[in-house]
Amino acid sequence: MAAYSASPKLIWSIDRALVRFAQSQHTSGDLFRPSLAIMSDYDVQWRAIFSRQTRGTIFLLLHILLVPVGVYLVGWFLARTSGKDPVWFYVAGFAYFIFGLIHIVVRYNAFRCPRCNGKVKAWNRYNSPSIPVPCPKCGLVRPLISP
């Protein structure tokens, strides 16, 4: 019984057809970035996502440490120059602090899926931030630790 052998030209044309199909189905929209569908390894993209989330954690800590100090110092300066306590400024500073916290947490924990470029939240209402949420489009799950 003879083994079936396909010609290299046929195999090459099938491979090219599959690559073209993957590129046409899953394009990222950016002309300078290759299609993510033909990549089998997402380590580079996950590293970028983890470094972005690390920057978000640093911004969050700086926000928690520096904004209250800045609000207090400016309020103290306003109280010294105007002669009365600027309550409105402390209320506005507290609102800025809370909205800044919400913005930083949402902005740096949401990311785009490396496979399909869909928006993925870091957590949803059913699980905690430590349990990764799969992509709603393709189901790719974020690794727990950085690759």
Protein backbone atom coordinates (compact mmCIF):
# COMPACT_ATOMS: atom_id res chain seq x y z
CA MET A 1 0.00 0.00 0.00
CA ALA A 2 1.54 3.27 -1.10
CA ALA A 3 1.56 6.25 1.24
CA TYR A 4 -0.28 9.31 0.07
CA SER A 5 2.04 12.21 -0.64
CA ALA A 6 0.84 15.63 -1.67
CA SER A 7 3.03 17.80 -3.79
CA PRO A 8 4.81 20.65 -2.00
CA LYS A 9 3.19 23.13 -4.39
CA LEU A 10 -0.30 21.98 -3.34
CA ILE A 11 0.57 22.20 0.36
CA TRP A 12 2.03 25.68 -0.12
CA SER A 13 -1.09 26.90 -1.95
CA ILE A 14 -3.36 25.51 0.78
CA ASP A 15 -1.25 27.21 3.46
CA ARG A 16 -1.39 30.53 1.60
CA ALA A 17 -5.16 30.20 1.18
CA LEU A 18 -5.60 29.58 4.91
CA VAL A 19 -3.42 32.57 5.80
CA ARG A 20 -5.37 34.81 3.40
CA PHE A 21 -8.66 33.57 4.85
CA ALA A 22 -7.50 34.27 8.41
CA GLN A 23 -6.31 37.74 7.46
CA SER A 24 -9.57 38.58 5.74
CA GLN A 25 -11.70 37.33 8.63
CA HIS A 26 -9.77 38.88 11.52
CA THR A 27 -8.12 42.15 10.61
CA SER A 28 -7.17 44.53 13.34
CA GLY A 29 -7.97 47.64 11.29
CA ASP A 30 -4.42 48.93 11.60
CA LEU A 31 -2.32 48.79 8.45
CA PHE A 32 0.98 48.65 10.31
CA ARG A 33 0.06 45.87 12.74
CA PRO A 34 -0.17 42.26 11.51
CA SER A 35 -3.40 40.35 11.87
CA LEU A 36 -3.62 38.72 15.27
CA ALA A 37 -5.57 35.73 13.98
CA ILE A 38 -2.53 34.14 12.34
CA MET A 39 -0.40 34.46 15.48
CA SER A 40 -0.45 31.41 17.68
CA ASP A 41 1.32 32.96 20.64
CA TYR A 42 0.03 36.02 22.50
CA ASP A 43 2.91 36.47 24.97
CA VAL A 44 3.89 39.90 23.64
CA GLN A 45 0.33 41.17 23.81
CA TRP A 46 -0.22 39.77 27.31
CA ARG A 47 3.02 41.39 28.50
CA ALA A 48 1.79 44.74 27.15
CA ILE A 49 -1.55 44.29 28.91
CA PHE A 50 0.12 43.34 32.20
CA SER A 51 2.54 46.28 32.01
CA ARG A 52 -0.41 48.62 31.33
CA GLN A 53 -2.22 47.23 34.38
CA THR A 54 0.95 47.66 36.44
CA ARG A 55 1.15 51.31 35.34
CA GLY A 56 -2.50 51.65 36.36
CA THR A 57 -1.67 50.32 39.82
CA ILE A 58 1.17 52.82 40.14
CA PHE A 59 -1.10 55.68 39.01
CA LEU A 60 -3.73 54.52 41.51
CA LEU A 61 -1.24 54.56 44.38
CA LEU A 62 0.09 57.97 43.36
CA HIS A 63 -3.48 59.28 43.11
CA ILE A 64 -4.34 57.95 46.58
CA LEU A 65 -1.18 59.47 48.09
CA LEU A 66 -0.84 62.79 46.28
CA VAL A 67 -4.35 64.09 45.58
CA PRO A 68 -5.45 64.34 49.25
CA VAL A 69 -2.18 66.08 50.13
CA GLY A 70 -2.63 68.50 47.23
CA VAL A 71 -6.26 69.21 48.15
CA TYR A 72 -5.27 69.84 51.76
CA LEU A 73 -2.39 72.17 50.83
CA VAL A 74 -4.47 74.21 48.38
CA GLY A 75 -7.34 74.37 50.91
CA TRP A 76 -4.92 75.48 53.60
CA PHE A 77 -3.55 78.18 51.28
CA LEU A 78 -7.09 79.36 50.41
CA ALA A 79 -8.02 79.47 54.10
CA ARG A 80 -4.93 81.54 54.91
CA THR A 81 -5.43 84.02 52.06
CA SER A 82 -9.22 84.46 52.26
CA GLY A 83 -9.58 84.27 56.06
CA LYS A 84 -12.37 81.68 56.01
CA ASP A 85 -12.53 77.94 55.51
CA PRO A 86 -13.31 77.03 51.86
CA VAL A 87 -15.74 74.14 52.41
CA TRP A 88 -16.74 74.15 48.72
CA PHE A 89 -13.13 73.43 47.78
CA TYR A 90 -12.94 70.37 50.03
CA VAL A 91 -16.21 69.03 48.59
CA ALA A 92 -14.91 69.55 45.04
CA GLY A 93 -11.57 67.97 45.98
CA PHE A 94 -13.30 64.92 47.45
CA ALA A 95 -15.45 64.54 44.31
CA TYR A 96 -12.32 64.82 42.15
CA PHE A 97 -10.62 62.18 44.29
CA ILE A 98 -13.53 59.70 43.97
CA PHE A 99 -14.02 60.26 40.22
CA GLY A 100 -10.26 59.93 39.69
CA LEU A 101 -10.24 56.60 41.52
CA ILE A 102 -13.12 55.28 39.42
CA HIS A 103 -11.48 56.49 36.19
CA ILE A 104 -8.12 54.90 36.97
CA VAL A 105 -9.63 51.56 38.01
CA VAL A 106 -11.87 51.31 34.95
CA ARG A 107 -9.34 52.71 32.44
CA TYR A 108 -6.38 50.54 33.34
CA ASN A 109 -8.21 47.28 34.06
CA ALA A 110 -10.22 47.07 30.83
CA PHE A 111 -8.26 45.82 27.83
CA ARG A 112 -8.66 44.56 24.27
CA CYS A 113 -8.45 40.87 23.46
CA PRO A 114 -5.21 39.97 21.63
CA ARG A 115 -7.03 37.46 19.42
CA CYS A 116 -10.16 39.32 18.23
CA ASN A 117 -9.56 42.92 19.43
CA GLY A 118 -12.83 42.87 21.41
CA LYS A 119 -13.27 44.87 24.62
CA VAL A 120 -12.79 42.80 27.78
CA LYS A 121 -13.58 44.01 31.28
CA ALA A 122 -11.23 42.98 34.05
CA TRP A 123 -14.17 41.66 36.06
CA ASN A 124 -17.91 41.45 35.84
CA ARG A 125 -20.64 41.34 38.45
CA TYR A 126 -20.36 37.59 38.92
CA ASN A 127 -16.72 37.23 39.86
CA SER A 128 -13.87 39.05 41.56
CA PRO A 129 -10.99 40.89 39.86
CA SER A 130 -8.62 38.01 40.68
CA ILE A 131 -10.60 35.57 38.49
CA PRO A 132 -10.00 36.32 34.79
CA VAL A 133 -13.03 37.02 32.61
CA PRO A 134 -13.02 35.41 29.14
CA CYS A 135 -13.39 37.54 26.04
CA PRO A 136 -17.10 37.85 25.16
CA LYS A 137 -16.38 37.36 21.44
CA CYS A 138 -13.81 34.57 21.19
CA GLY A 139 -13.54 33.19 24.74
CA LEU A 140 -9.79 33.76 25.18
CA VAL A 141 -8.96 33.93 28.90
CA ARG A 142 -6.31 36.23 30.36
CA PRO A 143 -3.53 34.32 32.14
CA LEU A 144 -3.30 34.81 35.89
CA ILE A 145 0.39 35.76 35.81
CA SER A 146 2.45 37.63 33.27
CA PRO A 147 4.10 35.40 30.64
